[in-house]
Amino acid sequence: MKKNFLICGLTGWCMEIIFTSFHAFFNKDFRLKGQTSIWMFPIYGLAALIHPMHHQMEDKPALYRGSVYTLGIFTCEYISGSLLKKHHMCPWDYNNAKTNVDGVIRLDYAPFWLAAGLIFEKILSISDSES
């Protein structure tokens, strides 16, 4: 579980840097600066919980599994974002987004979280087969 936590933490950081770089591109900032926060490592590390969930659902379609992962990710994002926000340490602020929930979740990000969940699932499956 510790190995999977580290893999997911690092994978999440990389995905976030790439995602925020694309955001910069679409805002015509061609420096393509991606960003993240040290707080995000343990939050992404929690994606290690996808591995045991995958074993329970491996016979289900990818859309079903990805939707379950999305709900789990939204739950972790809401809890961690609310705790960090309470202490003025939250690295993200979605208050200006139309689909925000308490400024810590963006419902329009659901497709991205679905994809991220399936990416974590695949990476954890590869890691499992190499052990």
C-alpha atoms as a PDB file:
ATOM      1  CA  MET A   1       0.000   0.000   0.000  1.00  0.00           C
ATOM      2  CA  LYS A   2       2.909   2.367   0.776  1.00  0.00           C
ATOM      3  CA  LYS A   3       4.387   1.787  -2.689  1.00  0.00           C
ATOM      4  CA  ASN A   4       1.011   2.483  -4.330  1.00  0.00           C
ATOM      5  CA  PHE A   5       0.592   5.661  -2.248  1.00  0.00           C
ATOM      6  CA  LEU A   6       3.962   6.925  -3.525  1.00  0.00           C
ATOM      7  CA  ILE A   7       3.167   5.950  -7.117  1.00  0.00           C
ATOM      8  CA  CYS A   8      -0.205   7.734  -6.981  1.00  0.00           C
ATOM      9  CA  GLY A   9       1.236  10.814  -5.287  1.00  0.00           C
ATOM     10  CA  LEU A  10       3.897  11.204  -7.969  1.00  0.00           C
ATOM     11  CA  THR A  11       1.510  10.374 -10.815  1.00  0.00           C
ATOM     12  CA  GLY A  12      -1.016  12.908  -9.524  1.00  0.00           C
ATOM     13  CA  TRP A  13       1.620  15.617  -9.286  1.00  0.00           C
ATOM     14  CA  CYS A  14       2.689  14.941 -12.884  1.00  0.00           C
ATOM     15  CA  MET A  15      -0.887  14.931 -14.165  1.00  0.00           C
ATOM     16  CA  GLU A  16      -1.615  18.201 -12.358  1.00  0.00           C
ATOM     17  CA  ILE A  17       1.463  19.901 -13.783  1.00  0.00           C
ATOM     18  CA  ILE A  18       0.494  18.788 -17.298  1.00  0.00           C
ATOM     19  CA  PHE A  19      -3.145  19.856 -16.783  1.00  0.00           C
ATOM     20  CA  THR A  20      -2.204  23.307 -15.484  1.00  0.00           C
ATOM     21  CA  SER A  21       0.280  23.698 -18.354  1.00  0.00           C
ATOM     22  CA  PHE A  22      -2.568  23.121 -20.823  1.00  0.00           C
ATOM     23  CA  HIS A  23      -4.600  25.688 -18.930  1.00  0.00           C
ATOM     24  CA  ALA A  24      -1.741  28.167 -19.395  1.00  0.00           C
ATOM     25  CA  PHE A  25      -1.636  27.359 -23.114  1.00  0.00           C
ATOM     26  CA  PHE A  26      -5.363  28.046 -23.531  1.00  0.00           C
ATOM     27  CA  ASN A  27      -4.832  31.364 -21.736  1.00  0.00           C
ATOM     28  CA  LYS A  28      -2.100  32.171 -24.290  1.00  0.00           C
ATOM     29  CA  ASP A  29       0.695  31.887 -21.724  1.00  0.00           C
ATOM     30  CA  PHE A  30       3.192  30.023 -23.876  1.00  0.00           C
ATOM     31  CA  ARG A  31       5.625  29.566 -21.019  1.00  0.00           C
ATOM     32  CA  LEU A  32       3.370  26.568 -20.251  1.00  0.00           C
ATOM     33  CA  LYS A  33       4.071  26.822 -16.556  1.00  0.00           C
ATOM     34  CA  GLY A  34       2.443  23.983 -14.685  1.00  0.00           C
ATOM     35  CA  GLN A  35       1.962  24.159 -10.961  1.00  0.00           C
ATOM     36  CA  THR A  36       1.069  22.070  -7.959  1.00  0.00           C
ATOM     37  CA  SER A  37       1.457  22.133  -4.196  1.00  0.00           C
ATOM     38  CA  ILE A  38       3.164  19.878  -1.684  1.00  0.00           C
ATOM     39  CA  TRP A  39      -0.308  19.412  -0.140  1.00  0.00           C
ATOM     40  CA  MET A  40      -1.395  17.623  -3.298  1.00  0.00           C
ATOM     41  CA  PHE A  41       1.024  14.712  -2.869  1.00  0.00           C
ATOM     42  CA  PRO A  42      -0.849  13.007  -0.007  1.00  0.00           C
ATOM     43  CA  ILE A  43      -4.203  13.882  -1.585  1.00  0.00           C
ATOM     44  CA  TYR A  44      -3.197  12.187  -4.844  1.00  0.00           C
ATOM     45  CA  GLY A  45      -1.587   9.415  -2.821  1.00  0.00           C
ATOM     46  CA  LEU A  46      -5.053   8.475  -1.588  1.00  0.00           C
ATOM     47  CA  ALA A  47      -5.751   7.246  -5.117  1.00  0.00           C
ATOM     48  CA  ALA A  48      -3.973   4.092  -3.938  1.00  0.00           C
ATOM     49  CA  LEU A  49      -7.414   3.148  -2.611  1.00  0.00           C
ATOM     50  CA  ILE A  50      -8.459   2.626  -6.233  1.00  0.00           C
ATOM     51  CA  HIS A  51      -6.437  -0.582  -6.369  1.00  0.00           C
ATOM     52  CA  PRO A  52      -8.564  -2.622  -3.937  1.00  0.00           C
ATOM     53  CA  MET A  53     -11.713  -1.060  -5.401  1.00  0.00           C
ATOM     54  CA  HIS A  54     -10.623  -2.163  -8.877  1.00  0.00           C
ATOM     55  CA  HIS A  55     -10.379  -5.769  -7.724  1.00  0.00           C
ATOM     56  CA  GLN A  56     -13.984  -5.547  -6.497  1.00  0.00           C
ATOM     57  CA  MET A  57     -15.213  -4.061  -9.795  1.00  0.00           C
ATOM     58  CA  GLU A  58     -12.911  -5.481 -12.469  1.00  0.00           C
ATOM     59  CA  ASP A  59     -15.838  -7.181 -14.238  1.00  0.00           C
ATOM     60  CA  LYS A  60     -17.687  -3.844 -14.586  1.00  0.00           C
ATOM     61  CA  PRO A  61     -17.403  -1.536 -17.621  1.00  0.00           C
ATOM     62  CA  ALA A  62     -14.778   1.227 -17.556  1.00  0.00           C
ATOM     63  CA  LEU A  63     -17.462   3.934 -17.473  1.00  0.00           C
ATOM     64  CA  TYR A  64     -18.954   2.398 -14.331  1.00  0.00           C
ATOM     65  CA  ARG A  65     -15.565   2.024 -12.623  1.00  0.00           C
ATOM     66  CA  GLY A  66     -14.520   5.527 -13.662  1.00  0.00           C
ATOM     67  CA  SER A  67     -17.767   6.960 -12.296  1.00  0.00           C
ATOM     68  CA  VAL A  68     -17.198   5.263  -8.943  1.00  0.00           C
ATOM     69  CA  TYR A  69     -13.638   6.615  -8.879  1.00  0.00           C
ATOM     70  CA  THR A  70     -14.961  10.088  -9.728  1.00  0.00           C
ATOM     71  CA  LEU A  71     -17.318   9.999  -6.740  1.00  0.00           C
ATOM     72  CA  GLY A  72     -14.441   8.908  -4.501  1.00  0.00           C
ATOM     73  CA  ILE A  73     -12.160  11.605  -5.874  1.00  0.00           C
ATOM     74  CA  PHE A  74     -14.841  14.270  -5.391  1.00  0.00           C
ATOM     75  CA  THR A  75     -15.312  13.070  -1.808  1.00  0.00           C
ATOM     76  CA  CYS A  76     -11.571  13.228  -1.056  1.00  0.00           C
ATOM     77  CA  GLU A  77     -11.282  16.578  -2.829  1.00  0.00           C
ATOM     78  CA  TYR A  78     -14.188  18.009  -0.852  1.00  0.00           C
ATOM     79  CA  ILE A  79     -12.940  16.778   2.535  1.00  0.00           C
ATOM     80  CA  SER A  80      -9.285  17.715   1.980  1.00  0.00           C
ATOM     81  CA  GLY A  81     -10.166  21.035   0.331  1.00  0.00           C
ATOM     82  CA  SER A  82     -12.545  21.958   3.152  1.00  0.00           C
ATOM     83  CA  LEU A  83      -9.947  21.123   5.817  1.00  0.00           C
ATOM     84  CA  LEU A  84      -7.205  23.042   4.028  1.00  0.00           C
ATOM     85  CA  LYS A  85      -9.529  25.965   3.325  1.00  0.00           C
ATOM     86  CA  LYS A  86     -10.479  26.144   7.007  1.00  0.00           C
ATOM     87  CA  HIS A  87      -6.792  26.734   7.789  1.00  0.00           C
ATOM     88  CA  HIS A  88      -6.221  29.070   4.788  1.00  0.00           C
ATOM     89  CA  MET A  89      -3.923  26.522   3.114  1.00  0.00           C
ATOM     90  CA  CYS A  90      -6.031  25.263   0.194  1.00  0.00           C
ATOM     91  CA  PRO A  91      -3.977  25.488  -3.015  1.00  0.00           C
ATOM     92  CA  TRP A  92      -7.071  25.709  -5.228  1.00  0.00           C
ATOM     93  CA  ASP A  93     -10.067  28.012  -5.245  1.00  0.00           C
ATOM     94  CA  TYR A  94     -13.016  27.245  -7.497  1.00  0.00           C
ATOM     95  CA  ASN A  95     -15.314  29.982  -6.198  1.00  0.00           C
ATOM     96  CA  ASN A  96     -15.402  31.689  -9.610  1.00  0.00           C
ATOM     97  CA  ALA A  97     -16.449  28.508 -11.445  1.00  0.00           C
ATOM     98  CA  LYS A  98     -20.146  28.150 -12.221  1.00  0.00           C
ATOM     99  CA  THR A  99     -20.246  24.500 -11.150  1.00  0.00           C
ATOM    100  CA  ASN A 100     -18.330  24.857  -7.881  1.00  0.00           C
ATOM    101  CA  VAL A 101     -19.356  23.303  -4.589  1.00  0.00           C
ATOM    102  CA  ASP A 102     -18.165  25.426  -1.661  1.00  0.00           C
ATOM    103  CA  GLY A 103     -15.216  26.553  -3.780  1.00  0.00           C
ATOM    104  CA  VAL A 104     -13.440  23.204  -3.378  1.00  0.00           C
ATOM    105  CA  ILE A 105     -15.033  21.054  -6.093  1.00  0.00           C
ATOM    106  CA  ARG A 106     -15.798  21.763  -9.743  1.00  0.00           C
ATOM    107  CA  LEU A 107     -18.481  19.438 -11.033  1.00  0.00           C
ATOM    108  CA  ASP A 108     -17.469  20.204 -14.629  1.00  0.00           C
ATOM    109  CA  TYR A 109     -14.158  18.464 -13.863  1.00  0.00           C
ATOM    110  CA  ALA A 110     -15.966  15.107 -13.536  1.00  0.00           C
ATOM    111  CA  PRO A 111     -14.752  13.839 -16.947  1.00  0.00           C
ATOM    112  CA  PHE A 112     -11.158  14.684 -16.026  1.00  0.00           C
ATOM    113  CA  TRP A 113     -11.484  12.870 -12.691  1.00  0.00           C
ATOM    114  CA  LEU A 114     -13.068   9.885 -14.429  1.00  0.00           C
ATOM    115  CA  ALA A 115     -10.075   9.710 -16.769  1.00  0.00           C
ATOM    116  CA  ALA A 116      -7.632  10.244 -13.883  1.00  0.00           C
ATOM    117  CA  GLY A 117      -9.240   7.408 -11.928  1.00  0.00           C
ATOM    118  CA  LEU A 118      -8.861   5.042 -14.870  1.00  0.00           C
ATOM    119  CA  ILE A 119      -5.243   6.180 -15.349  1.00  0.00           C
ATOM    120  CA  PHE A 120      -4.512   5.466 -11.670  1.00  0.00           C
ATOM    121  CA  GLU A 121      -6.238   2.082 -12.066  1.00  0.00           C
ATOM    122  CA  LYS A 122      -4.033   1.192 -15.046  1.00  0.00           C
ATOM    123  CA  ILE A 123      -0.818   2.371 -13.407  1.00  0.00           C
ATOM    124  CA  LEU A 124      -1.620   0.448 -10.222  1.00  0.00           C
ATOM    125  CA  SER A 125      -2.446  -2.680 -12.258  1.00  0.00           C
ATOM    126  CA  ILE A 126       0.894  -2.429 -14.088  1.00  0.00           C
ATOM    127  CA  SER A 127       2.703  -1.893 -10.793  1.00  0.00           C
ATOM    128  CA  ASP A 128       0.887  -4.897  -9.315  1.00  0.00           C
ATOM    129  CA  SER A 129       1.863  -7.169 -12.212  1.00  0.00           C
ATOM    130  CA  GLU A 130       5.527  -6.151 -11.871  1.00  0.00           C
ATOM    131  CA  SER A 131       5.654  -7.095  -8.179  1.00  0.00           C
END
